Protein backbone atom coordinates (compact mmCIF):
# COMPACT_ATOMS: atom_id res chain seq x y z
CA MET A 1 1.67 47.77 59.28
CA SER A 2 3.01 49.36 62.05
CA ILE A 3 6.40 48.79 63.16
CA THR A 4 6.99 46.06 66.02
CA GLY A 5 9.50 44.57 67.88
CA GLY A 6 13.11 45.92 69.50
CA ASP A 7 15.37 44.55 71.81
CA VAL A 8 15.83 45.55 75.62
CA VAL A 9 19.85 45.24 76.58
CA ASP A 10 20.52 45.17 80.43
CA LEU A 11 23.16 47.62 81.26
CA GLY A 12 23.47 46.89 84.84
CA ARG A 13 22.46 48.64 88.11
CA GLY A 14 18.88 48.77 87.12
CA LEU A 15 19.61 50.77 83.71
CA TYR A 16 17.90 49.25 80.99
CA ALA A 17 18.49 50.56 76.81
CA TRP A 18 15.49 49.71 74.50
CA MET A 19 16.76 49.35 71.01
CA PRO A 20 14.28 49.27 67.98
CA PRO A 21 14.42 46.18 65.34
CA LYS A 22 16.15 48.28 62.86
CA ARG A 23 17.57 51.46 61.30
CA GLY A 24 15.56 54.25 59.50
CA TRP A 25 13.73 57.46 60.24
CA GLY A 26 11.81 57.40 63.33
CA LEU A 27 13.69 54.15 64.94
CA ALA A 28 15.72 55.73 68.32
CA ASN A 29 16.86 54.15 71.34
CA CYS A 30 15.43 54.77 74.46
CA GLY A 31 16.71 54.14 78.45
CA LEU A 32 14.73 52.74 81.33
CA LEU A 33 16.13 53.43 84.97
CA VAL A 34 14.40 51.55 87.78
CA SER A 35 15.07 51.80 91.30
CA PRO A 36 13.09 50.39 94.44
CA ARG A 37 11.68 54.06 94.84
CA GLY A 38 10.72 54.71 91.22
CA ALA A 39 11.47 54.61 87.80
CA LEU A 40 12.02 56.71 84.94
CA TRP A 41 12.39 57.06 81.06
CA ILE A 42 14.77 58.70 78.78
CA ASP A 43 13.54 59.15 75.61
CA THR A 44 10.31 57.49 74.54
CA PRO A 45 9.20 55.81 70.98
CA TYR A 46 7.83 57.60 67.78
CA ASP A 47 4.15 56.21 67.90
CA PRO A 48 1.88 54.27 70.32
CA VAL A 49 2.43 51.00 69.32
CA LEU A 50 6.04 51.38 69.70
CA ALA A 51 5.73 53.25 72.98
CA GLY A 52 3.17 50.65 74.13
CA GLN A 53 5.57 47.46 73.82
CA PHE A 54 8.17 49.77 75.36
CA LEU A 55 6.07 50.72 78.27
CA VAL A 56 5.31 46.54 78.21
CA GLU A 57 9.13 45.68 78.58
CA SER A 58 9.79 48.33 81.05
CA GLN A 59 7.03 47.14 83.12
CA LYS A 60 8.41 43.78 82.98
CA ARG A 61 11.19 45.11 85.30
CA LEU A 62 9.59 47.20 87.42
CA PRO A 63 9.29 46.34 91.13
CA ASP A 64 5.82 46.06 93.19
CA GLY A 65 4.40 49.10 93.83
CA VAL A 66 6.45 51.33 91.20
CA ASP A 67 5.27 53.54 88.00
CA ILE A 68 7.28 55.12 85.64
CA GLY A 69 7.00 58.69 87.02
CA ARG A 70 9.31 60.41 84.78
CA VAL A 71 10.16 60.82 81.30
CA ILE A 72 13.52 62.69 80.11
CA VAL A 73 13.37 64.18 76.44
CA THR A 74 17.02 64.53 74.75
CA HIS A 75 15.31 66.64 72.76
CA ALA A 76 12.03 67.63 70.63
CA ASN A 77 12.31 65.59 67.40
CA GLY A 78 9.06 63.49 67.33
CA ASP A 79 10.80 60.06 67.59
CA HIS A 80 12.07 60.46 70.99
CA PHE A 81 9.33 62.62 72.41
CA TRP A 82 6.03 61.76 70.95
CA GLY A 83 5.49 58.15 72.75
CA ALA A 84 4.99 59.91 76.05
CA GLY A 85 1.54 60.10 75.76
CA VAL A 86 1.63 56.48 76.97
CA LEU A 87 2.37 57.77 80.38
CA PRO A 88 -0.37 60.48 81.03
CA ASP A 89 0.94 60.77 84.90
CA ALA A 90 4.74 60.94 84.22
CA GLU A 91 6.74 64.47 84.17
CA ILE A 92 8.23 65.34 81.26
CA ILE A 93 11.76 67.01 81.57
CA ALA A 94 12.98 68.94 78.71
CA THR A 95 15.09 72.16 77.94
CA ARG A 96 13.62 75.24 77.59
CA GLU A 97 15.23 75.72 74.27
CA ALA A 98 13.40 72.80 73.09
CA ARG A 99 10.13 74.81 73.14
CA GLU A 100 11.55 76.32 69.55
CA HIS A 101 11.90 72.61 68.06
CA ILE A 102 8.69 71.29 69.45
CA HIS A 103 7.05 74.67 67.14
CA TYR A 104 8.74 73.96 64.35
CA ASP A 105 8.37 70.12 63.84
CA PRO A 106 4.50 68.94 62.78
CA THR A 107 2.11 67.53 65.15
CA PRO A 108 1.49 64.41 65.23
CA GLN A 109 -1.83 64.49 63.80
CA GLN A 110 -0.50 66.86 61.42
CA GLN A 111 2.07 64.71 60.21
CA HIS A 112 -0.16 61.76 59.85
CA ALA A 113 -2.08 63.46 57.64
CA LEU A 114 0.84 64.80 55.57
CA VAL A 115 2.23 60.84 55.32
CA ALA A 116 -1.54 59.87 54.54
CA GLY A 117 -2.09 62.16 52.10
CA SER A 118 0.72 62.77 50.12
CA ASP A 119 0.71 61.69 46.45
CA PRO A 120 2.67 58.22 46.15
CA SER A 121 3.72 59.24 42.55
CA THR A 122 5.47 61.63 43.87
CA PRO A 123 9.35 62.02 44.99
CA LEU A 124 8.28 63.49 48.28
CA GLY A 125 5.00 61.56 48.78
CA SER A 126 7.24 58.09 47.70
CA TYR A 127 9.54 58.75 50.58
CA LEU A 128 7.53 59.97 53.07
CA ALA A 129 5.11 56.44 52.79
CA ARG A 130 8.26 54.33 52.71
CA HIS A 131 9.82 55.79 55.60
CA PHE A 132 7.16 56.97 58.06
CA GLY A 133 4.33 54.92 56.66
CA GLY A 134 4.57 52.31 59.26
CA PHE A 135 4.07 54.59 62.10
CA ASP A 136 0.21 55.41 63.21
CA TRP A 137 -0.27 59.05 64.61
CA SER A 138 -3.67 59.04 64.02
CA ALA A 139 -5.07 59.12 67.18
CA THR A 140 -1.78 60.94 68.73
CA GLU A 141 -2.63 63.93 70.63
CA ALA A 142 0.47 66.35 70.94
CA VAL A 143 2.49 65.89 74.38
CA ARG A 144 4.70 68.95 76.14
CA PRO A 145 7.10 69.05 78.66
CA THR A 146 5.82 69.68 82.36
CA THR A 147 9.07 70.81 83.49
CA TYR A 148 11.57 72.64 81.42
CA PHE A 149 15.29 73.89 82.88
CA THR A 150 18.34 75.64 81.48
CA GLY A 151 21.76 74.55 82.56
CA GLU A 152 22.27 71.36 84.52
CA LEU A 153 19.34 69.25 86.55
CA GLU A 154 20.68 66.92 89.25
CA LEU A 155 18.16 64.55 89.59
CA THR A 156 18.32 61.42 91.97
CA LEU A 157 16.15 57.79 91.86
CA GLY A 158 16.82 55.83 94.36
CA ASP A 159 20.04 55.73 95.19
CA TYR A 160 21.24 56.61 91.89
CA ALA A 161 22.10 60.40 90.21
CA VAL A 162 20.83 61.20 87.31
CA GLN A 163 22.81 64.29 86.10
CA VAL A 164 20.81 66.45 83.00
CA SER A 165 23.09 68.60 81.10
CA SER A 166 21.51 70.75 78.18
CA LEU A 167 23.31 71.26 75.21
CA PRO A 168 24.34 74.39 72.82
CA PRO A 169 22.19 74.17 69.75
CA ALA A 170 23.40 71.20 67.97
CA HIS A 171 21.09 68.22 66.93
CA THR A 172 18.22 70.88 67.71
CA ALA A 173 17.82 73.87 69.55
CA GLY A 174 17.11 72.23 72.58
CA ASP A 175 19.18 68.84 72.92
CA LEU A 176 20.45 67.39 76.57
CA MET A 177 22.29 64.38 77.44
CA VAL A 178 21.79 62.28 80.44
CA TYR A 179 24.88 61.09 82.75
CA LEU A 180 24.06 58.26 84.89
CA PRO A 181 27.61 58.05 87.26
CA ALA A 182 26.99 54.80 88.99
CA GLN A 183 26.52 53.25 85.59
CA ARG A 184 29.15 54.76 83.97
CA THR A 185 26.40 55.04 81.17
CA VAL A 186 25.53 58.22 78.97
CA PHE A 187 22.43 58.67 77.06
CA SER A 188 23.45 61.56 74.18
CA GLY A 189 20.62 61.42 72.38
CA ASP A 190 20.79 62.52 68.68
CA VAL A 191 24.46 64.07 68.95
CA ILE A 192 25.68 60.58 68.11
CA PHE A 193 24.05 58.68 65.32
CA SER A 194 26.03 55.49 65.78
CA SER A 195 27.71 52.50 63.51
CA THR A 196 29.86 49.73 63.64
CA SER A 197 30.98 47.04 61.23
CA ARG A 198 28.53 44.56 62.89
CA GLN A 199 25.77 47.00 62.92
CA PRO A 200 25.81 49.78 60.14
CA GLY A 201 23.86 52.89 61.25
CA ASP A 202 22.29 55.84 59.11
CA HIS A 203 23.93 59.07 57.97
CA PRO A 204 23.17 61.51 60.77
CA VAL A 205 20.52 64.44 60.17
CA HIS A 206 20.87 67.73 62.37
CA TRP A 207 18.46 70.22 62.07
CA SER A 208 20.47 73.18 63.98
CA GLY A 209 23.99 72.81 64.42
CA PRO A 210 26.91 74.22 63.85
CA LEU A 211 28.66 70.86 63.58
CA ASP A 212 31.36 72.66 65.61
CA ASN A 213 28.46 72.60 68.46
CA VAL A 214 27.70 69.12 67.66
CA ILE A 215 31.46 67.88 68.04
CA ASP A 216 31.84 70.04 71.48
CA ALA A 217 28.78 68.06 72.67
CA CYS A 218 30.32 64.64 71.48
CA GLU A 219 33.58 65.68 73.56
CA ARG A 220 31.48 66.74 76.61
CA VAL A 221 30.27 63.06 76.56
CA LEU A 222 33.45 61.85 76.84
CA ALA A 223 34.60 64.17 79.22
CA THR A 224 32.31 62.35 82.03
CA GLY A 225 34.32 59.60 81.96
CA ALA A 226 31.65 57.17 80.63
CA GLU A 227 32.08 53.59 79.36
CA VAL A 228 28.69 53.22 78.12
CA ILE A 229 27.40 55.69 75.22
CA VAL A 230 23.75 54.85 74.24
CA PRO A 231 23.12 57.27 71.08
CA GLY A 232 20.13 58.50 69.94
CA HIS A 233 20.15 55.82 67.05
CA GLY A 234 22.19 52.79 66.33
CA PRO A 235 24.36 50.27 68.42
CA VAL A 236 26.04 51.20 72.12
CA LEU A 237 29.49 52.51 71.96
CA ASP A 238 32.69 52.56 73.64
CA PRO A 239 34.56 55.75 74.18
CA ALA A 240 36.45 54.81 70.58
CA GLY A 241 33.18 54.90 69.05
CA VAL A 242 32.19 58.14 69.67
CA ARG A 243 35.46 59.47 68.36
CA GLU A 244 35.24 57.50 65.02
CA HIS A 245 31.95 59.48 64.77
CA MET A 246 33.58 62.54 65.39
CA ALA A 247 35.91 61.70 62.54
CA TYR A 248 32.57 61.39 60.49
CA LEU A 249 31.22 64.81 61.73
CA ALA A 250 34.41 66.74 60.85
CA TYR A 251 34.70 65.16 57.40
CA VAL A 252 31.42 66.41 56.58
CA ARG A 253 32.07 69.77 58.29
CA GLU A 254 35.47 70.25 56.07
CA ARG A 255 33.17 69.13 52.92
CA ALA A 256 30.64 71.74 53.58
CA HIS A 257 32.75 74.65 54.24
CA SER A 258 34.81 73.50 51.42
CA LEU A 259 31.79 73.77 49.03
CA HIS A 260 30.46 76.64 50.16
CA ALA A 261 33.59 78.51 49.79
CA ALA A 262 33.28 77.72 46.33
CA GLY A 263 30.20 78.94 45.87
CA VAL A 264 28.25 75.45 45.44
CA PRO A 265 24.82 75.71 46.86
CA ALA A 266 23.69 73.51 49.36
CA VAL A 267 21.70 70.70 47.93
CA GLU A 268 24.35 70.26 45.09
CA ALA A 269 26.86 70.13 48.06
CA ALA A 270 24.81 67.14 49.43
CA ARG A 271 24.87 65.58 46.19
CA ARG A 272 28.70 65.78 45.85
CA VAL A 273 29.06 64.75 49.35
CA ILE A 274 27.13 62.05 48.65
CA GLY A 275 28.55 60.94 45.11
CA GLU A 276 32.37 60.69 47.00
CA GLY A 277 31.29 57.45 49.16
CA ARG A 278 32.93 57.79 52.01
CA TYR A 279 31.15 56.11 54.39
CA PRO A 280 29.14 53.68 51.85
CA ALA A 281 27.59 51.61 54.85
CA LEU A 282 25.51 54.38 56.31
CA GLY A 283 21.80 54.51 55.21
CA LEU A 284 19.89 57.24 54.33
CA PRO A 285 22.65 59.61 52.96
CA GLU A 286 20.00 61.91 51.76
CA ARG A 287 19.53 63.36 55.06
CA LEU A 288 23.34 65.28 54.42
CA VAL A 289 21.07 67.71 52.74
CA VAL A 290 19.47 68.48 56.35
CA THR A 291 22.99 68.08 58.03
CA ILE A 292 24.70 70.37 55.36
CA GLY A 293 22.07 72.89 54.59
CA SER A 294 22.12 73.46 58.52
CA GLU A 295 26.20 74.18 58.41
CA TYR A 296 25.87 76.14 55.38
CA ARG A 297 23.12 78.39 57.30
CA HIS A 298 25.86 79.43 59.68
CA LEU A 299 27.96 79.98 57.14
CA ASP A 300 25.96 82.84 54.87
CA GLY A 301 23.27 83.50 58.15
CA SER A 302 20.59 82.52 55.54
CA GLU A 303 16.92 81.51 57.56
CA LEU A 304 15.79 78.13 58.14
CA PRO A 305 12.65 76.57 55.60
CA GLY A 306 10.15 75.11 56.76
CA VAL A 307 9.98 71.29 57.26
CA LEU A 308 8.14 70.62 54.32
CA GLN A 309 10.55 72.00 51.96
CA VAL A 310 13.42 70.39 53.82
CA MET A 311 11.73 67.09 53.37
CA ALA A 312 11.21 67.82 49.66
CA ASP A 313 14.51 68.42 49.27
CA VAL A 314 15.67 65.32 50.96
CA ALA A 315 12.93 63.30 48.64
CA ALA A 316 14.45 64.47 45.74
CA VAL A 317 17.99 63.58 46.56
CA ALA A 318 16.81 60.19 47.37
CA HIS A 319 15.36 59.48 44.28
CA ASP A 320 18.20 60.59 42.21
CA VAL A 321 20.60 58.24 44.15
CA ALA A 322 18.09 55.84 43.35
CA CYS A 323 17.72 56.30 40.04
CA THR A 324 21.48 56.95 39.22
CA GLY A 325 22.48 53.67 41.37
CA GLY A 326 24.27 55.47 43.67
CA PRO A 327 24.98 55.00 47.52
CA ALA A 328 21.75 53.59 48.95
């Protein structure tokens, strides 16, 4: 069954955030900026169903004669990128470094075949079905950016400035953030996964790192002076919320370094951090397998395993947590 729904939050001065209906893998926030002379998206939903819904909501807010001519992709994970296919004529902007992650991830149709064809009696097959089975990429063609940049990119949309900044490797190898000065808002992409007491989120998942770079990226978000921060996933934050998230990242970094120094293997380290239950409100604790594994690679120089092996480890830990009654 397809995932449907999503709320549109009016952030003022032609800026909107599209917020998915629930937390979970693949449910990313997106942005729409509208002016009398054009419109752009910041990120896209994961599959054509959700992207089509975002497009319908966007078109309701467009002036007559205005189309969405650009998509700024904060990073190349499919849940921020693959929905661009519903705008076949739009310019798609990403960092040059984003190409590395495009080649790492499966294509949409490969992922669809993997989810549909995995044995649901195995931990991996069950996990993929549960968390990705609601998306449909059976007819989704791979999309590619049309414009790559490095460093800083200054755009305008009517009277609005759009400041796009590439970031050092953090969530992926090709992250960027988008600062909208007139709206005092930053779209951070997945260098921030947010959570609040009213709207708990999920544990972050970082494929590149190190966590020092993720924390530094959060500092760059705060340095803009933005009053509103739209994270890649989770509720909209103020600067205090970003600082709370940075405290979480510092905790995971400290535990990863301590366990690595003690000779604990990466997957076992993730299990131990999950068992500490420091952040019980956050969902998907098994994603610490990815983040701690990434941190370990920076500490010992080991190679990045294939995405299927990473997800098999994630699924195995999720299965064990569920069997032992650990954090949900």
